[in-house]
Amino acid sequence: MTSVDKNTNASRIIIQSHIDKAFTEKFIQWNDGLNYTEFIRALWRLFLNHDTFKDGTQNILSKLSEEDAMQLLSDEIDITKLKSY
């Protein structure tokens, strides 16, 4: 496994944890009028700025570019789960 793969996998674990916590705490809300790209950007801003997620997000940014991190967030979030809330 390359260092890039290790960084991506470590970041994926953090993002999954952030998503689970955001669902549990009801930080994530979806409505059908939302633009998916804007939703991902808003969720990323939450992860960057909220005290609950800030440290983990900075850890991700030490491993990946912001663009790669947001792509990973988009890959990991389950849109069907969003729509059921």
C-alpha atoms as a PDB file:
ATOM      1  CA  MET A   1       0.000   0.000   0.000  1.00  0.00           C
ATOM      2  CA  THR A   2       1.383   3.385  -0.993  1.00  0.00           C
ATOM      3  CA  SER A   3       1.510   6.389   1.301  1.00  0.00           C
ATOM      4  CA  VAL A   4      -1.216   8.013  -0.819  1.00  0.00           C
ATOM      5  CA  ASP A   5      -3.450   4.985  -0.241  1.00  0.00           C
ATOM      6  CA  LYS A   6      -2.700   5.065   3.490  1.00  0.00           C
ATOM      7  CA  ASN A   7      -3.523   8.776   3.678  1.00  0.00           C
ATOM      8  CA  THR A   8      -6.745   8.269   1.723  1.00  0.00           C
ATOM      9  CA  ASN A   9      -7.825   5.338   3.885  1.00  0.00           C
ATOM     10  CA  ALA A  10      -7.024   7.201   7.122  1.00  0.00           C
ATOM     11  CA  SER A  11      -8.969  10.208   5.844  1.00  0.00           C
ATOM     12  CA  ARG A  12     -11.884   7.996   4.784  1.00  0.00           C
ATOM     13  CA  ILE A  13     -12.172   6.651   8.341  1.00  0.00           C
ATOM     14  CA  ILE A  14     -12.265  10.191   9.760  1.00  0.00           C
ATOM     15  CA  ILE A  15     -14.856  11.299   7.200  1.00  0.00           C
ATOM     16  CA  GLN A  16     -17.041   8.277   7.930  1.00  0.00           C
ATOM     17  CA  SER A  17     -16.834   9.092  11.631  1.00  0.00           C
ATOM     18  CA  HIS A  18     -17.728  12.743  10.943  1.00  0.00           C
ATOM     19  CA  ILE A  19     -20.706  11.707   8.804  1.00  0.00           C
ATOM     20  CA  ASP A  20     -21.982   9.270  11.440  1.00  0.00           C
ATOM     21  CA  LYS A  21     -21.652  11.885  14.186  1.00  0.00           C
ATOM     22  CA  ALA A  22     -23.319  14.551  12.030  1.00  0.00           C
ATOM     23  CA  PHE A  23     -26.261  12.200  11.388  1.00  0.00           C
ATOM     24  CA  THR A  24     -26.531  11.315  15.079  1.00  0.00           C
ATOM     25  CA  GLU A  25     -26.411  14.956  16.135  1.00  0.00           C
ATOM     26  CA  LYS A  26     -28.833  15.901  13.322  1.00  0.00           C
ATOM     27  CA  PHE A  27     -26.393  18.370  11.754  1.00  0.00           C
ATOM     28  CA  ILE A  28     -27.192  16.897   8.344  1.00  0.00           C
ATOM     29  CA  GLN A  29     -30.528  17.727   6.773  1.00  0.00           C
ATOM     30  CA  TRP A  30     -31.595  17.178   3.190  1.00  0.00           C
ATOM     31  CA  ASN A  31     -34.446  18.567   1.193  1.00  0.00           C
ATOM     32  CA  ASP A  32     -35.145  17.926  -2.464  1.00  0.00           C
ATOM     33  CA  GLY A  33     -34.495  21.547  -3.355  1.00  0.00           C
ATOM     34  CA  LEU A  34     -30.821  21.284  -2.411  1.00  0.00           C
ATOM     35  CA  ASN A  35     -28.094  21.259  -5.006  1.00  0.00           C
ATOM     36  CA  TYR A  36     -25.900  18.242  -4.184  1.00  0.00           C
ATOM     37  CA  THR A  37     -22.617  20.051  -4.834  1.00  0.00           C
ATOM     38  CA  GLU A  38     -23.623  22.950  -2.596  1.00  0.00           C
ATOM     39  CA  PHE A  39     -24.743  20.472   0.057  1.00  0.00           C
ATOM     40  CA  ILE A  40     -21.308  18.806   0.049  1.00  0.00           C
ATOM     41  CA  ARG A  41     -19.596  22.204   0.264  1.00  0.00           C
ATOM     42  CA  ALA A  42     -21.808  23.251   3.183  1.00  0.00           C
ATOM     43  CA  LEU A  43     -21.159  19.973   4.971  1.00  0.00           C
ATOM     44  CA  TRP A  44     -17.421  20.412   4.407  1.00  0.00           C
ATOM     45  CA  ARG A  45     -17.622  23.940   5.896  1.00  0.00           C
ATOM     46  CA  LEU A  46     -19.387  22.466   8.922  1.00  0.00           C
ATOM     47  CA  PHE A  47     -16.570  19.940   9.314  1.00  0.00           C
ATOM     48  CA  LEU A  48     -13.965  22.708   8.974  1.00  0.00           C
ATOM     49  CA  ASN A  49     -15.548  25.094  11.464  1.00  0.00           C
ATOM     50  CA  HIS A  50     -17.502  23.144  14.083  1.00  0.00           C
ATOM     51  CA  ASP A  51     -15.525  22.279  17.216  1.00  0.00           C
ATOM     52  CA  THR A  52     -16.754  18.677  17.108  1.00  0.00           C
ATOM     53  CA  PHE A  53     -15.167  18.053  13.707  1.00  0.00           C
ATOM     54  CA  LYS A  54     -12.401  20.648  13.386  1.00  0.00           C
ATOM     55  CA  ASP A  55      -9.425  18.591  14.629  1.00  0.00           C
ATOM     56  CA  GLY A  56     -10.248  15.563  12.496  1.00  0.00           C
ATOM     57  CA  THR A  57     -10.784  17.749   9.457  1.00  0.00           C
ATOM     58  CA  GLN A  58      -7.418  19.442   9.937  1.00  0.00           C
ATOM     59  CA  ASN A  59      -5.897  15.967  10.161  1.00  0.00           C
ATOM     60  CA  ILE A  60      -7.496  15.121   6.801  1.00  0.00           C
ATOM     61  CA  LEU A  61      -6.116  18.329   5.283  1.00  0.00           C
ATOM     62  CA  SER A  62      -2.624  17.364   6.434  1.00  0.00           C
ATOM     63  CA  LYS A  63      -2.990  14.234   4.277  1.00  0.00           C
ATOM     64  CA  LEU A  64      -5.114  15.324   1.291  1.00  0.00           C
ATOM     65  CA  SER A  65      -5.901  18.433  -0.693  1.00  0.00           C
ATOM     66  CA  GLU A  66      -9.205  20.101   0.112  1.00  0.00           C
ATOM     67  CA  GLU A  67     -10.532  19.079  -3.306  1.00  0.00           C
ATOM     68  CA  ASP A  68      -9.625  15.421  -2.704  1.00  0.00           C
ATOM     69  CA  ALA A  69     -11.134  15.569   0.772  1.00  0.00           C
ATOM     70  CA  MET A  70     -14.433  16.947  -0.530  1.00  0.00           C
ATOM     71  CA  GLN A  71     -14.479  14.282  -3.255  1.00  0.00           C
ATOM     72  CA  LEU A  72     -13.953  11.658  -0.574  1.00  0.00           C
ATOM     73  CA  LEU A  73     -16.797  13.185   1.454  1.00  0.00           C
ATOM     74  CA  SER A  74     -19.042  13.021  -1.597  1.00  0.00           C
ATOM     75  CA  ASP A  75     -18.038   9.393  -2.188  1.00  0.00           C
ATOM     76  CA  GLU A  76     -18.712   8.398   1.411  1.00  0.00           C
ATOM     77  CA  ILE A  77     -22.036  10.082   2.069  1.00  0.00           C
ATOM     78  CA  ASP A  78     -25.096   7.938   1.443  1.00  0.00           C
ATOM     79  CA  ILE A  79     -27.650  10.086  -0.344  1.00  0.00           C
ATOM     80  CA  THR A  80     -30.412   7.513   0.229  1.00  0.00           C
ATOM     81  CA  LYS A  81     -29.787   7.730   3.972  1.00  0.00           C
ATOM     82  CA  LEU A  82     -29.990  11.511   3.737  1.00  0.00           C
ATOM     83  CA  LYS A  83     -33.361  11.411   2.037  1.00  0.00           C
ATOM     84  CA  SER A  84     -34.817   9.133   4.714  1.00  0.00           C
ATOM     85  CA  TYR A  85     -34.225  11.710   7.467  1.00  0.00           C
END
